[in-house]
C-alpha atoms as a PDB file:
ATOM      1  CA  MET A   1      -3.002  -5.660  27.371  1.00  0.00           C
ATOM      2  CA  LYS A   2      -3.758  -6.720  23.841  1.00  0.00           C
ATOM      3  CA  PRO A   3      -5.409  -4.689  21.073  1.00  0.00           C
ATOM      4  CA  SER A   4      -9.096  -4.993  20.294  1.00  0.00           C
ATOM      5  CA  PRO A   5      -9.980  -7.138  17.242  1.00  0.00           C
ATOM      6  CA  PHE A   6      -9.285  -5.667  13.811  1.00  0.00           C
ATOM      7  CA  GLU A   7      -9.106  -6.633  10.156  1.00  0.00           C
ATOM      8  CA  TYR A   8      -5.711  -6.635   8.492  1.00  0.00           C
ATOM      9  CA  SER A   9      -4.598  -5.952   4.921  1.00  0.00           C
ATOM     10  CA  ALA A  10      -1.072  -5.999   3.493  1.00  0.00           C
ATOM     11  CA  PRO A  11      -1.276  -4.429   0.017  1.00  0.00           C
ATOM     12  CA  ALA A  12       1.656  -4.843  -2.367  1.00  0.00           C
ATOM     13  CA  SER A  13       1.229  -1.517  -4.183  1.00  0.00           C
ATOM     14  CA  LEU A  14       0.153   2.035  -3.433  1.00  0.00           C
ATOM     15  CA  GLU A  15      -2.853   1.683  -5.717  1.00  0.00           C
ATOM     16  CA  GLU A  16      -4.011  -1.394  -3.807  1.00  0.00           C
ATOM     17  CA  ALA A  17      -3.441   0.363  -0.481  1.00  0.00           C
ATOM     18  CA  LEU A  18      -5.531   3.369  -1.539  1.00  0.00           C
ATOM     19  CA  GLU A  19      -8.316   1.088  -2.705  1.00  0.00           C
ATOM     20  CA  VAL A  20      -8.368  -0.889   0.551  1.00  0.00           C
ATOM     21  CA  LEU A  21      -8.332   2.325   2.589  1.00  0.00           C
ATOM     22  CA  ALA A  22     -11.223   3.770   0.593  1.00  0.00           C
ATOM     23  CA  GLU A  23     -13.293   0.618   1.039  1.00  0.00           C
ATOM     24  CA  ALA A  24     -12.500   0.278   4.759  1.00  0.00           C
ATOM     25  CA  GLY A  25     -13.839   3.734   5.604  1.00  0.00           C
ATOM     26  CA  SER A  26     -13.104   5.993   8.563  1.00  0.00           C
ATOM     27  CA  GLY A  27     -12.475   3.063  10.919  1.00  0.00           C
ATOM     28  CA  ALA A  28      -9.245   2.184   9.116  1.00  0.00           C
ATOM     29  CA  LYS A  29      -5.707   3.146  10.094  1.00  0.00           C
ATOM     30  CA  VAL A  30      -2.523   3.051   8.053  1.00  0.00           C
ATOM     31  CA  LEU A  31       0.339   1.077   9.609  1.00  0.00           C
ATOM     32  CA  ALA A  32       3.863   2.243   8.730  1.00  0.00           C
ATOM     33  CA  GLY A  33       6.627   1.529  11.235  1.00  0.00           C
ATOM     34  CA  GLY A  34       4.150   0.906  14.041  1.00  0.00           C
ATOM     35  CA  GLN A  35       6.371   2.458  16.721  1.00  0.00           C
ATOM     36  CA  SER A  36       3.570   4.774  17.874  1.00  0.00           C
ATOM     37  CA  LEU A  37       0.378   3.091  16.694  1.00  0.00           C
ATOM     38  CA  VAL A  38       1.022  -0.424  18.028  1.00  0.00           C
ATOM     39  CA  PRO A  39       1.692   0.687  21.639  1.00  0.00           C
ATOM     40  CA  LEU A  40      -1.476   2.794  21.531  1.00  0.00           C
ATOM     41  CA  MET A  41      -3.419  -0.218  20.285  1.00  0.00           C
ATOM     42  CA  ASN A  42      -1.972  -2.435  23.009  1.00  0.00           C
ATOM     43  CA  LEU A  43      -3.115   0.089  25.613  1.00  0.00           C
ATOM     44  CA  ARG A  44      -6.473   0.367  23.813  1.00  0.00           C
ATOM     45  CA  LEU A  45      -6.004   4.088  23.427  1.00  0.00           C
ATOM     46  CA  ALA A  46      -6.479   3.416  19.699  1.00  0.00           C
ATOM     47  CA  ALA A  47      -8.878   0.815  18.337  1.00  0.00           C
ATOM     48  CA  PRO A  48      -8.860   0.810  14.541  1.00  0.00           C
ATOM     49  CA  GLU A  49     -11.305  -1.523  12.854  1.00  0.00           C
ATOM     50  CA  HIS A  50      -8.944  -2.198   9.950  1.00  0.00           C
ATOM     51  CA  LEU A  51      -5.147  -1.926   9.621  1.00  0.00           C
ATOM     52  CA  VAL A  52      -3.689  -1.211   6.203  1.00  0.00           C
ATOM     53  CA  ASP A  53      -0.019  -2.263   6.401  1.00  0.00           C
ATOM     54  CA  LEU A  54       2.258  -0.347   4.009  1.00  0.00           C
ATOM     55  CA  ASN A  55       5.396  -2.387   4.654  1.00  0.00           C
ATOM     56  CA  GLY A  56       4.920  -4.333   1.438  1.00  0.00           C
ATOM     57  CA  VAL A  57       4.768  -1.183  -0.711  1.00  0.00           C
ATOM     58  CA  GLY A  58       8.398  -0.946  -1.756  1.00  0.00           C
ATOM     59  CA  SER A  59       7.898   2.125  -3.959  1.00  0.00           C
ATOM     60  CA  LEU A  60       7.353   4.264  -0.840  1.00  0.00           C
ATOM     61  CA  SER A  61      10.896   3.746   0.504  1.00  0.00           C
ATOM     62  CA  GLU A  62      12.835   5.703  -2.129  1.00  0.00           C
ATOM     63  CA  ILE A  63      15.096   8.658  -1.265  1.00  0.00           C
ATOM     64  CA  ARG A  64      16.166  10.810  -4.220  1.00  0.00           C
ATOM     65  CA  ALA A  65      17.229  14.305  -5.290  1.00  0.00           C
ATOM     66  CA  ASP A  66      14.204  15.988  -6.851  1.00  0.00           C
ATOM     67  CA  ASP A  67      12.992  19.486  -7.775  1.00  0.00           C
ATOM     68  CA  GLY A  68      15.978  21.239  -6.226  1.00  0.00           C
ATOM     69  CA  GLY A  69      15.670  19.353  -2.971  1.00  0.00           C
ATOM     70  CA  LEU A  70      15.288  15.972  -1.328  1.00  0.00           C
ATOM     71  CA  ALA A  71      12.272  13.695  -1.816  1.00  0.00           C
ATOM     72  CA  ILE A  72      11.805  10.975   0.807  1.00  0.00           C
ATOM     73  CA  GLY A  73       9.272   8.185   0.489  1.00  0.00           C
ATOM     74  CA  ALA A  74       6.943   7.769   3.442  1.00  0.00           C
ATOM     75  CA  MET A  75       8.239   4.291   4.253  1.00  0.00           C
ATOM     76  CA  ALA A  76      11.905   5.281   4.356  1.00  0.00           C
ATOM     77  CA  ARG A  77      13.228   4.247   7.766  1.00  0.00           C
ATOM     78  CA  GLN A  78      14.441   6.886  10.170  1.00  0.00           C
ATOM     79  CA  SER A  79      17.748   5.042  10.546  1.00  0.00           C
ATOM     80  CA  THR A  80      18.297   5.451   6.790  1.00  0.00           C
ATOM     81  CA  LEU A  81      18.285   9.225   7.217  1.00  0.00           C
ATOM     82  CA  GLU A  82      21.263   8.950   9.569  1.00  0.00           C
ATOM     83  CA  ARG A  83      23.347   6.915   7.127  1.00  0.00           C
ATOM     84  CA  SER A  84      22.366   8.456   3.793  1.00  0.00           C
ATOM     85  CA  THR A  85      25.108  10.531   2.168  1.00  0.00           C
ATOM     86  CA  LEU A  86      22.447  12.171  -0.023  1.00  0.00           C
ATOM     87  CA  VAL A  87      20.493  13.357   3.024  1.00  0.00           C
ATOM     88  CA  GLU A  88      23.701  14.624   4.639  1.00  0.00           C
ATOM     89  CA  GLU A  89      24.598  16.508   1.470  1.00  0.00           C
ATOM     90  CA  LEU A  90      21.229  18.117   0.723  1.00  0.00           C
ATOM     91  CA  VAL A  91      19.528  18.535   4.133  1.00  0.00           C
ATOM     92  CA  PRO A  92      22.156  17.983   6.844  1.00  0.00           C
ATOM     93  CA  ALA A  93      19.851  19.129   9.655  1.00  0.00           C
ATOM     94  CA  LEU A  94      17.569  16.211   8.840  1.00  0.00           C
ATOM     95  CA  ALA A  95      20.381  13.668   9.116  1.00  0.00           C
ATOM     96  CA  HIS A  96      21.496  15.139  12.428  1.00  0.00           C
ATOM     97  CA  ALA A  97      17.996  15.319  13.910  1.00  0.00           C
ATOM     98  CA  ALA A  98      17.247  11.723  12.925  1.00  0.00           C
ATOM     99  CA  SER A  99      19.901  10.451  15.323  1.00  0.00           C
ATOM    100  CA  HIS A 100      17.883  11.907  18.218  1.00  0.00           C
ATOM    101  CA  ILE A 101      14.698   9.995  17.385  1.00  0.00           C
ATOM    102  CA  GLY A 102      14.145   7.266  19.967  1.00  0.00           C
ATOM    103  CA  HIS A 103      16.751   4.504  20.091  1.00  0.00           C
ATOM    104  CA  PHE A 104      18.291   2.610  17.192  1.00  0.00           C
ATOM    105  CA  GLN A 105      15.717  -0.198  17.439  1.00  0.00           C
ATOM    106  CA  VAL A 106      12.944   2.386  17.085  1.00  0.00           C
ATOM    107  CA  ARG A 107      14.671   4.140  14.179  1.00  0.00           C
ATOM    108  CA  ASN A 108      15.189   0.820  12.383  1.00  0.00           C
ATOM    109  CA  ARG A 109      11.398   0.377  12.222  1.00  0.00           C
ATOM    110  CA  GLY A 110      10.099   3.942  12.476  1.00  0.00           C
ATOM    111  CA  THR A 111       9.369   5.704   9.192  1.00  0.00           C
ATOM    112  CA  VAL A 112       9.521   9.277   7.957  1.00  0.00           C
ATOM    113  CA  GLY A 113       5.882   9.293   6.900  1.00  0.00           C
ATOM    114  CA  GLY A 114       4.744   7.650  10.115  1.00  0.00           C
ATOM    115  CA  SER A 115       6.352  10.345  12.252  1.00  0.00           C
ATOM    116  CA  LEU A 116       4.953  13.176  10.143  1.00  0.00           C
ATOM    117  CA  ALA A 117       1.447  11.708  10.085  1.00  0.00           C
ATOM    118  CA  HIS A 118       1.465  10.918  13.820  1.00  0.00           C
ATOM    119  CA  ALA A 119       2.234  14.590  14.574  1.00  0.00           C
ATOM    120  CA  ASP A 120       3.606  14.263  18.076  1.00  0.00           C
ATOM    121  CA  PRO A 121       4.270  17.869  19.217  1.00  0.00           C
ATOM    122  CA  THR A 122       7.705  16.833  20.548  1.00  0.00           C
ATOM    123  CA  ALA A 123       8.760  14.977  17.378  1.00  0.00           C
ATOM    124  CA  GLU A 124      11.866  16.029  15.500  1.00  0.00           C
ATOM    125  CA  LEU A 125      10.779  15.417  11.896  1.00  0.00           C
ATOM    126  CA  PRO A 126       7.694  17.686  11.763  1.00  0.00           C
ATOM    127  CA  MET A 127       9.810  20.477  13.263  1.00  0.00           C
ATOM    128  CA  ILE A 128      12.599  19.983  10.705  1.00  0.00           C
ATOM    129  CA  LEU A 129      10.033  19.969   7.880  1.00  0.00           C
ATOM    130  CA  LEU A 130       8.692  23.280   9.198  1.00  0.00           C
ATOM    131  CA  ALA A 131      12.152  24.821   9.598  1.00  0.00           C
ATOM    132  CA  ALA A 132      13.175  23.744   6.098  1.00  0.00           C
ATOM    133  CA  GLY A 133       9.974  25.013   4.489  1.00  0.00           C
ATOM    134  CA  GLY A 134       9.143  21.591   3.065  1.00  0.00           C
ATOM    135  CA  ARG A 135       5.937  19.873   2.088  1.00  0.00           C
ATOM    136  CA  VAL A 136       4.330  16.454   1.954  1.00  0.00           C
ATOM    137  CA  THR A 137       2.340  14.680  -0.725  1.00  0.00           C
ATOM    138  CA  VAL A 138      -0.834  12.850   0.250  1.00  0.00           C
ATOM    139  CA  GLN A 139      -2.980  10.658  -1.966  1.00  0.00           C
ATOM    140  CA  SER A 140      -6.459   9.196  -1.983  1.00  0.00           C
ATOM    141  CA  LYS A 141      -8.259   6.966  -4.455  1.00  0.00           C
ATOM    142  CA  ALA A 142     -11.056   9.484  -4.928  1.00  0.00           C
ATOM    143  CA  ARG A 143      -9.072  12.707  -5.322  1.00  0.00           C
ATOM    144  CA  GLY A 144      -5.584  11.676  -6.378  1.00  0.00           C
ATOM    145  CA  ALA A 145      -2.474  13.443  -5.088  1.00  0.00           C
ATOM    146  CA  ARG A 146      -2.188  16.850  -3.434  1.00  0.00           C
ATOM    147  CA  ALA A 147       0.601  18.781  -1.748  1.00  0.00           C
ATOM    148  CA  VAL A 148       0.380  20.012   1.845  1.00  0.00           C
ATOM    149  CA  GLU A 149       2.854  22.680   2.943  1.00  0.00           C
ATOM    150  CA  ALA A 150       4.640  22.224   6.268  1.00  0.00           C
ATOM    151  CA  ASN A 151       2.819  25.230   7.746  1.00  0.00           C
ATOM    152  CA  ASP A 152      -0.527  23.567   7.063  1.00  0.00           C
ATOM    153  CA  LEU A 153       0.250  19.947   7.923  1.00  0.00           C
ATOM    154  CA  VAL A 154      -0.117  19.795  11.719  1.00  0.00           C
ATOM    155  CA  ARG A 155      -3.313  21.233  13.193  1.00  0.00           C
ATOM    156  CA  GLY A 156      -2.931  20.307  16.851  1.00  0.00           C
ATOM    157  CA  TYR A 157      -2.040  17.437  19.161  1.00  0.00           C
ATOM    158  CA  PHE A 158      -1.707  14.328  16.945  1.00  0.00           C
ATOM    159  CA  THR A 159      -3.961  15.993  14.362  1.00  0.00           C
ATOM    160  CA  THR A 160      -3.045  16.739  10.753  1.00  0.00           C
ATOM    161  CA  ALA A 161      -4.591  17.906   7.496  1.00  0.00           C
ATOM    162  CA  ILE A 162      -4.487  14.321   6.175  1.00  0.00           C
ATOM    163  CA  GLU A 163      -8.000  13.009   5.465  1.00  0.00           C
ATOM    164  CA  PRO A 164      -9.066   9.505   6.615  1.00  0.00           C
ATOM    165  CA  ASP A 165      -8.914   8.125   3.055  1.00  0.00           C
ATOM    166  CA  GLU A 166      -5.498   9.656   2.308  1.00  0.00           C
ATOM    167  CA  ILE A 167      -2.009   8.241   2.651  1.00  0.00           C
ATOM    168  CA  LEU A 168       1.063  10.397   3.146  1.00  0.00           C
ATOM    169  CA  THR A 169       3.302   9.129   0.364  1.00  0.00           C
ATOM    170  CA  GLU A 170       6.295  11.475   0.302  1.00  0.00           C
ATOM    171  CA  ALA A 171       8.020  14.353   2.089  1.00  0.00           C
ATOM    172  CA  TRP A 172      10.045  16.980   0.250  1.00  0.00           C
ATOM    173  CA  PHE A 173      12.753  19.191   1.785  1.00  0.00           C
ATOM    174  CA  PRO A 174      14.412  22.037  -0.142  1.00  0.00           C
ATOM    175  CA  ARG A 175      18.171  21.882  -0.467  1.00  0.00           C
ATOM    176  CA  LEU A 176      20.191  24.089   1.863  1.00  0.00           C
ATOM    177  CA  GLU A 177      22.647  25.975  -0.324  1.00  0.00           C
ATOM    178  CA  GLY A 178      24.537  29.223  -0.678  1.00  0.00           C
ATOM    179  CA  ALA A 179      25.424  31.360   2.334  1.00  0.00           C
ATOM    180  CA  ALA A 180      23.070  29.461   4.603  1.00  0.00           C
ATOM    181  CA  GLY A 181      23.619  27.607   7.848  1.00  0.00           C
ATOM    182  CA  TRP A 182      21.557  25.334  10.039  1.00  0.00           C
ATOM    183  CA  SER A 183      21.447  24.066  13.593  1.00  0.00           C
ATOM    184  CA  PHE A 184      19.483  21.497  15.556  1.00  0.00           C
ATOM    185  CA  GLN A 185      19.368  21.575  19.362  1.00  0.00           C
ATOM    186  CA  GLU A 186      17.433  19.345  21.757  1.00  0.00           C
ATOM    187  CA  VAL A 187      17.024  18.751  25.481  1.00  0.00           C
ATOM    188  CA  ALA A 188      15.649  15.402  26.677  1.00  0.00           C
ATOM    189  CA  ARG A 189      15.923  13.540  29.966  1.00  0.00           C
ATOM    190  CA  ARG A 190      18.080  10.943  28.210  1.00  0.00           C
ATOM    191  CA  HIS A 191      19.263  10.603  24.642  1.00  0.00           C
ATOM    192  CA  GLY A 192      16.446   8.945  22.725  1.00  0.00           C
ATOM    193  CA  ASP A 193      13.677  10.101  25.059  1.00  0.00           C
ATOM    194  CA  PHE A 194      10.956  12.419  23.816  1.00  0.00           C
ATOM    195  CA  ALA A 195      12.259  15.961  23.534  1.00  0.00           C
ATOM    196  CA  LEU A 196      11.336  18.305  26.350  1.00  0.00           C
ATOM    197  CA  VAL A 197      12.204  21.144  23.978  1.00  0.00           C
ATOM    198  CA  ALA A 198      13.866  21.124  20.565  1.00  0.00           C
ATOM    199  CA  ALA A 199      14.880  23.930  18.223  1.00  0.00           C
ATOM    200  CA  ALA A 200      15.905  24.062  14.568  1.00  0.00           C
ATOM    201  CA  THR A 201      17.203  27.195  12.863  1.00  0.00           C
ATOM    202  CA  VAL A 202      18.162  28.197   9.348  1.00  0.00           C
ATOM    203  CA  VAL A 203      20.100  31.440   8.801  1.00  0.00           C
ATOM    204  CA  ARG A 204      20.782  32.906   5.339  1.00  0.00           C
ATOM    205  CA  LEU A 205      23.263  35.727   4.956  1.00  0.00           C
ATOM    206  CA  ASP A 206      23.529  38.581   2.474  1.00  0.00           C
ATOM    207  CA  GLY A 207      27.047  39.801   2.957  1.00  0.00           C
ATOM    208  CA  ASP A 208      27.500  40.509   6.650  1.00  0.00           C
ATOM    209  CA  THR A 209      23.834  40.645   7.615  1.00  0.00           C
ATOM    210  CA  VAL A 210      20.994  38.164   8.084  1.00  0.00           C
ATOM    211  CA  ALA A 211      18.837  38.121   4.954  1.00  0.00           C
ATOM    212  CA  ASP A 212      16.411  35.536   6.276  1.00  0.00           C
ATOM    213  CA  ALA A 213      16.052  33.431   9.407  1.00  0.00           C
ATOM    214  CA  VAL A 214      13.791  30.573  10.429  1.00  0.00           C
ATOM    215  CA  ILE A 215      13.382  29.499  14.049  1.00  0.00           C
ATOM    216  CA  ALA A 216      11.255  26.392  14.625  1.00  0.00           C
ATOM    217  CA  LEU A 217      10.487  24.831  17.995  1.00  0.00           C
ATOM    218  CA  ALA A 218       8.996  21.576  19.238  1.00  0.00           C
ATOM    219  CA  GLY A 219       7.724  20.675  22.699  1.00  0.00           C
ATOM    220  CA  VAL A 220       6.408  24.176  23.445  1.00  0.00           C
ATOM    221  CA  ALA A 221       2.915  24.006  21.909  1.00  0.00           C
ATOM    222  CA  ASP A 222       0.393  21.557  20.471  1.00  0.00           C
ATOM    223  CA  ARG A 223       2.390  21.489  17.221  1.00  0.00           C
ATOM    224  CA  PRO A 224       5.795  22.624  15.927  1.00  0.00           C
ATOM    225  CA  VAL A 225       5.832  26.418  15.802  1.00  0.00           C
ATOM    226  CA  ARG A 226       7.941  29.241  14.413  1.00  0.00           C
ATOM    227  CA  ALA A 227       9.177  32.091  16.587  1.00  0.00           C
ATOM    228  CA  ALA A 228       8.091  34.897  14.266  1.00  0.00           C
ATOM    229  CA  ALA A 229       9.021  37.806  16.541  1.00  0.00           C
ATOM    230  CA  ALA A 230      12.567  36.537  17.018  1.00  0.00           C
ATOM    231  CA  GLU A 231      12.941  35.869  13.280  1.00  0.00           C
ATOM    232  CA  GLU A 232      11.930  39.439  12.470  1.00  0.00           C
ATOM    233  CA  LEU A 233      14.211  40.813  15.170  1.00  0.00           C
ATOM    234  CA  ILE A 234      17.422  39.405  13.716  1.00  0.00           C
ATOM    235  CA  THR A 235      16.645  39.922  10.016  1.00  0.00           C
ATOM    236  CA  GLY A 236      18.814  42.689   8.595  1.00  0.00           C
ATOM    237  CA  GLU A 237      21.226  42.561  11.520  1.00  0.00           C
ATOM    238  CA  ALA A 238      24.826  41.362  11.701  1.00  0.00           C
ATOM    239  CA  PRO A 239      25.158  38.000  13.488  1.00  0.00           C
ATOM    240  CA  SER A 240      26.694  38.199  16.949  1.00  0.00           C
ATOM    241  CA  ALA A 241      26.471  36.571  20.349  1.00  0.00           C
ATOM    242  CA  ALA A 242      24.533  39.594  21.620  1.00  0.00           C
ATOM    243  CA  LEU A 243      22.029  39.328  18.764  1.00  0.00           C
ATOM    244  CA  ALA A 244      21.505  35.612  19.445  1.00  0.00           C
ATOM    245  CA  GLU A 245      20.820  36.343  23.107  1.00  0.00           C
ATOM    246  CA  HIS A 246      18.437  39.153  22.146  1.00  0.00           C
ATOM    247  CA  ALA A 247      16.540  36.679  19.949  1.00  0.00           C
ATOM    248  CA  ALA A 248      16.515  34.148  22.806  1.00  0.00           C
ATOM    249  CA  ASP A 249      14.839  36.736  25.043  1.00  0.00           C
ATOM    250  CA  ALA A 250      12.275  37.410  22.321  1.00  0.00           C
ATOM    251  CA  VAL A 251      11.486  33.701  22.135  1.00  0.00           C
ATOM    252  CA  ARG A 252      10.954  33.557  25.887  1.00  0.00           C
ATOM    253  CA  GLY A 253       8.584  36.491  25.582  1.00  0.00           C
ATOM    254  CA  GLU A 254       6.416  35.040  22.826  1.00  0.00           C
ATOM    255  CA  LEU A 255       6.008  31.470  24.127  1.00  0.00           C
ATOM    256  CA  SER A 256       3.402  30.133  26.546  1.00  0.00           C
ATOM    257  CA  PRO A 257       4.203  26.401  26.805  1.00  0.00           C
ATOM    258  CA  THR A 258       1.977  23.983  28.647  1.00  0.00           C
ATOM    259  CA  GLY A 259       3.524  22.341  31.691  1.00  0.00           C
ATOM    260  CA  ASP A 260       3.204  18.632  32.450  1.00  0.00           C
ATOM    261  CA  VAL A 261       4.772  15.926  34.627  1.00  0.00           C
ATOM    262  CA  HIS A 262       7.984  16.120  32.605  1.00  0.00           C
ATOM    263  CA  ALA A 263       8.615  19.867  32.692  1.00  0.00           C
ATOM    264  CA  SER A 264       6.910  23.034  33.849  1.00  0.00           C
ATOM    265  CA  SER A 265       5.867  25.832  31.527  1.00  0.00           C
ATOM    266  CA  GLU A 266       8.567  28.067  32.981  1.00  0.00           C
ATOM    267  CA  TYR A 267      11.263  25.445  32.401  1.00  0.00           C
ATOM    268  CA  ARG A 268      10.246  24.875  28.791  1.00  0.00           C
ATOM    269  CA  ARG A 269      10.193  28.620  28.128  1.00  0.00           C
ATOM    270  CA  GLU A 270      13.657  29.107  29.582  1.00  0.00           C
ATOM    271  CA  VAL A 271      15.126  26.104  27.771  1.00  0.00           C
ATOM    272  CA  ALA A 272      13.581  27.250  24.496  1.00  0.00           C
ATOM    273  CA  GLY A 273      15.411  30.552  24.814  1.00  0.00           C
ATOM    274  CA  VAL A 274      18.713  28.862  25.607  1.00  0.00           C
ATOM    275  CA  LEU A 275      18.426  26.462  22.660  1.00  0.00           C
ATOM    276  CA  VAL A 276      17.464  29.209  20.218  1.00  0.00           C
ATOM    277  CA  GLY A 277      20.470  31.277  21.291  1.00  0.00           C
ATOM    278  CA  ARG A 278      22.794  28.333  20.727  1.00  0.00           C
ATOM    279  CA  ALA A 279      21.138  27.360  17.463  1.00  0.00           C
ATOM    280  CA  LEU A 280      21.307  30.840  15.959  1.00  0.00           C
ATOM    281  CA  SER A 281      24.985  31.194  16.814  1.00  0.00           C
ATOM    282  CA  GLU A 282      25.820  27.815  15.292  1.00  0.00           C
ATOM    283  CA  ALA A 283      23.699  28.411  12.177  1.00  0.00           C
ATOM    284  CA  ALA A 284      25.298  31.809  11.627  1.00  0.00           C
ATOM    285  CA  GLN A 285      28.778  30.299  11.931  1.00  0.00           C
ATOM    286  CA  ARG A 286      27.928  27.648   9.341  1.00  0.00           C
ATOM    287  CA  ALA A 287      26.474  30.303   7.030  1.00  0.00           C
ATOM    288  CA  GLN A 288      29.614  32.440   7.336  1.00  0.00           C
ATOM    289  CA  ALA A 289      31.799  29.427   6.606  1.00  0.00           C
ATOM    290  CA  GLY A 290      29.778  28.630   3.479  1.00  0.00           C
ATOM    291  CA  SER A 291      29.578  32.182   2.121  1.00  0.00           C
END
């Protein structure tokens, strides 16, 4: 099939893009990498009246150290995350997770901002943003720029806090430093397929005990979620294989995933527990090595 008719604009600056988007109204869609939107248009599951193509806005592709963390322009390609020494240095979980996004052809076109704005509940980048405690910047012509914290960004299946006249311009991830470790784990039918379940953890140590832990999951709800009960369970405890398995059981107890043709609810719940156990052990080992 082919998409329904639409108007097309290719602005050369962010200011021009915001102006076109404001004038086009609620029937407009922003085009970034197009790896999700274009297939939906071809299937006529999406029928925007106006496409605003950001590929000519070079200022949105920058990756830089900023404010004690890593700032990534919305149009930075996912493949760039894999190769960037700055990303590897400041937010290594992000570099590792990027290699699991689709296949290299997809990552060469797919963008950081496009993935975050699309808000697929199985996507790696929204989950990593949540695990890291990051934020995004969105802008509109009428209201200027505002920050949206990771906890508030995704509201449900393919639904975010971004308003129709706003463009996601940048994502910010805090730097992982000190006695802190990370892990990313994923199960998919094949490498590059959508994740059936994915987990990202961050463990910070104070001496021999866990001072703070973050457990984020994708593929188990209508958005990336944190396993709050398991996080609380391990805080203040000494890392061990038994503790990781205890946390895995807690995760199984607090999740109620939806089943589909790819995996049942029971399978996703069990896999989530397994991945969290592995991720906590690996994150704790990295934290101990860095302390």
